[in-house]
């Protein structure tokens, strides 16, 4: 299957079992693949990126990769999260 195959939101929801709101929330946090704009009112995701995201989640579950969060403290009132 080509890495350039695109899928619509309904398919992304079906593949991930996430709601549309969860998908957009994760995208905003930078932890889910971003969609591409196909036309003025049409967006899609690359199937390969969704599959990679799912594979990463599987690896984390299986202990092959861990989530790490590093906090960089710039000042007492400012903390930047770097993942």
C-alpha atoms as a PDB file:
ATOM      1  CA  UNK A   1       0.000   0.000   0.000  1.00  0.00           C
ATOM      2  CA  UNK A   2       1.329   3.431  -0.871  1.00  0.00           C
ATOM      3  CA  UNK A   3       2.383   5.851   1.872  1.00  0.00           C
ATOM      4  CA  UNK A   4       0.598   8.555  -0.129  1.00  0.00           C
ATOM      5  CA  UNK A   5      -2.873   7.014   0.117  1.00  0.00           C
ATOM      6  CA  UNK A   6      -5.190   9.433   1.889  1.00  0.00           C
ATOM      7  CA  UNK A   7      -8.179   8.642   4.066  1.00  0.00           C
ATOM      8  CA  UNK A   8     -11.069  10.764   5.289  1.00  0.00           C
ATOM      9  CA  UNK A   9     -12.114  11.443   8.882  1.00  0.00           C
ATOM     10  CA  UNK A  10     -14.659   8.612   8.985  1.00  0.00           C
ATOM     11  CA  UNK A  11     -11.919   6.101   8.149  1.00  0.00           C
ATOM     12  CA  UNK A  12      -9.497   7.646  10.661  1.00  0.00           C
ATOM     13  CA  UNK A  13     -12.205   7.316  13.323  1.00  0.00           C
ATOM     14  CA  UNK A  14     -12.830   3.707  12.330  1.00  0.00           C
ATOM     15  CA  UNK A  15      -9.133   2.774  12.344  1.00  0.00           C
ATOM     16  CA  UNK A  16      -8.331   4.466  15.662  1.00  0.00           C
ATOM     17  CA  UNK A  17     -11.654   4.082  17.508  1.00  0.00           C
ATOM     18  CA  UNK A  18     -11.325   7.770  18.455  1.00  0.00           C
ATOM     19  CA  UNK A  19     -14.021  10.411  18.187  1.00  0.00           C
ATOM     20  CA  UNK A  20     -13.566  13.376  15.876  1.00  0.00           C
ATOM     21  CA  UNK A  21     -13.179  15.624  18.934  1.00  0.00           C
ATOM     22  CA  UNK A  22     -10.390  13.409  20.310  1.00  0.00           C
ATOM     23  CA  UNK A  23      -8.595  13.354  16.968  1.00  0.00           C
ATOM     24  CA  UNK A  24      -8.629  17.150  16.698  1.00  0.00           C
ATOM     25  CA  UNK A  25      -7.629  17.553  20.354  1.00  0.00           C
ATOM     26  CA  UNK A  26      -4.638  15.215  19.883  1.00  0.00           C
ATOM     27  CA  UNK A  27      -3.675  17.048  16.684  1.00  0.00           C
ATOM     28  CA  UNK A  28      -3.720  20.357  18.565  1.00  0.00           C
ATOM     29  CA  UNK A  29      -1.440  18.837  21.228  1.00  0.00           C
ATOM     30  CA  UNK A  30       0.898  17.623  18.481  1.00  0.00           C
ATOM     31  CA  UNK A  31       0.476  13.944  19.360  1.00  0.00           C
ATOM     32  CA  UNK A  32      -1.558  12.849  16.330  1.00  0.00           C
ATOM     33  CA  UNK A  33      -0.819  13.198  12.611  1.00  0.00           C
ATOM     34  CA  UNK A  34      -2.136  16.387  11.058  1.00  0.00           C
ATOM     35  CA  UNK A  35      -4.510  16.320   8.133  1.00  0.00           C
ATOM     36  CA  UNK A  36      -3.758  17.732   4.711  1.00  0.00           C
ATOM     37  CA  UNK A  37      -6.019  20.073   2.804  1.00  0.00           C
ATOM     38  CA  UNK A  38      -7.236  18.513  -0.444  1.00  0.00           C
ATOM     39  CA  UNK A  39      -9.552  21.343  -1.445  1.00  0.00           C
ATOM     40  CA  UNK A  40     -11.260  24.299   0.155  1.00  0.00           C
ATOM     41  CA  UNK A  41     -13.657  22.118   2.134  1.00  0.00           C
ATOM     42  CA  UNK A  42     -11.938  18.742   2.019  1.00  0.00           C
ATOM     43  CA  UNK A  43      -9.243  17.341   4.297  1.00  0.00           C
ATOM     44  CA  UNK A  44      -7.685  13.914   4.694  1.00  0.00           C
ATOM     45  CA  UNK A  45      -4.893  12.069   6.478  1.00  0.00           C
ATOM     46  CA  UNK A  46      -2.098   9.957   5.055  1.00  0.00           C
ATOM     47  CA  UNK A  47      -2.875   6.314   5.798  1.00  0.00           C
ATOM     48  CA  UNK A  48       0.811   5.583   6.420  1.00  0.00           C
ATOM     49  CA  UNK A  49       0.993   8.247   9.140  1.00  0.00           C
ATOM     50  CA  UNK A  50      -2.094   6.860  10.874  1.00  0.00           C
ATOM     51  CA  UNK A  51      -0.650   3.330  10.690  1.00  0.00           C
ATOM     52  CA  UNK A  52       2.666   4.608  12.102  1.00  0.00           C
ATOM     53  CA  UNK A  53       0.807   6.305  14.965  1.00  0.00           C
ATOM     54  CA  UNK A  54      -1.053   3.077  15.744  1.00  0.00           C
ATOM     55  CA  UNK A  55       2.187   1.063  15.574  1.00  0.00           C
ATOM     56  CA  UNK A  56       3.816   3.480  18.024  1.00  0.00           C
ATOM     57  CA  UNK A  57       0.894   3.044  20.412  1.00  0.00           C
ATOM     58  CA  UNK A  58       1.266  -0.749  20.117  1.00  0.00           C
ATOM     59  CA  UNK A  59       5.006  -0.530  20.811  1.00  0.00           C
ATOM     60  CA  UNK A  60       4.382   1.603  23.886  1.00  0.00           C
ATOM     61  CA  UNK A  61       1.844  -0.932  25.131  1.00  0.00           C
ATOM     62  CA  UNK A  62       4.268  -3.803  24.538  1.00  0.00           C
ATOM     63  CA  UNK A  63       7.100  -2.046  26.342  1.00  0.00           C
ATOM     64  CA  UNK A  64       9.180  -1.500  23.207  1.00  0.00           C
ATOM     65  CA  UNK A  65       9.072   2.247  23.534  1.00  0.00           C
ATOM     66  CA  UNK A  66       8.236   4.469  26.437  1.00  0.00           C
ATOM     67  CA  UNK A  67       6.673   7.866  26.632  1.00  0.00           C
ATOM     68  CA  UNK A  68       9.072  10.388  28.009  1.00  0.00           C
ATOM     69  CA  UNK A  69       8.303  13.911  29.003  1.00  0.00           C
ATOM     70  CA  UNK A  70      11.029  16.399  29.725  1.00  0.00           C
ATOM     71  CA  UNK A  71      10.201  19.645  31.452  1.00  0.00           C
ATOM     72  CA  UNK A  72      12.380  22.640  30.820  1.00  0.00           C
ATOM     73  CA  UNK A  73      11.957  25.290  33.468  1.00  0.00           C
ATOM     74  CA  UNK A  74      12.711  28.744  32.085  1.00  0.00           C
ATOM     75  CA  UNK A  75      11.649  30.542  35.229  1.00  0.00           C
ATOM     76  CA  UNK A  76       9.492  29.794  38.272  1.00  0.00           C
ATOM     77  CA  UNK A  77       6.417  30.949  36.375  1.00  0.00           C
ATOM     78  CA  UNK A  78       7.196  29.386  32.990  1.00  0.00           C
ATOM     79  CA  UNK A  79       7.497  25.667  32.300  1.00  0.00           C
ATOM     80  CA  UNK A  80       7.907  24.353  28.756  1.00  0.00           C
ATOM     81  CA  UNK A  81       7.010  20.747  28.012  1.00  0.00           C
ATOM     82  CA  UNK A  82       9.294  19.030  25.519  1.00  0.00           C
ATOM     83  CA  UNK A  83       8.372  15.527  24.416  1.00  0.00           C
END
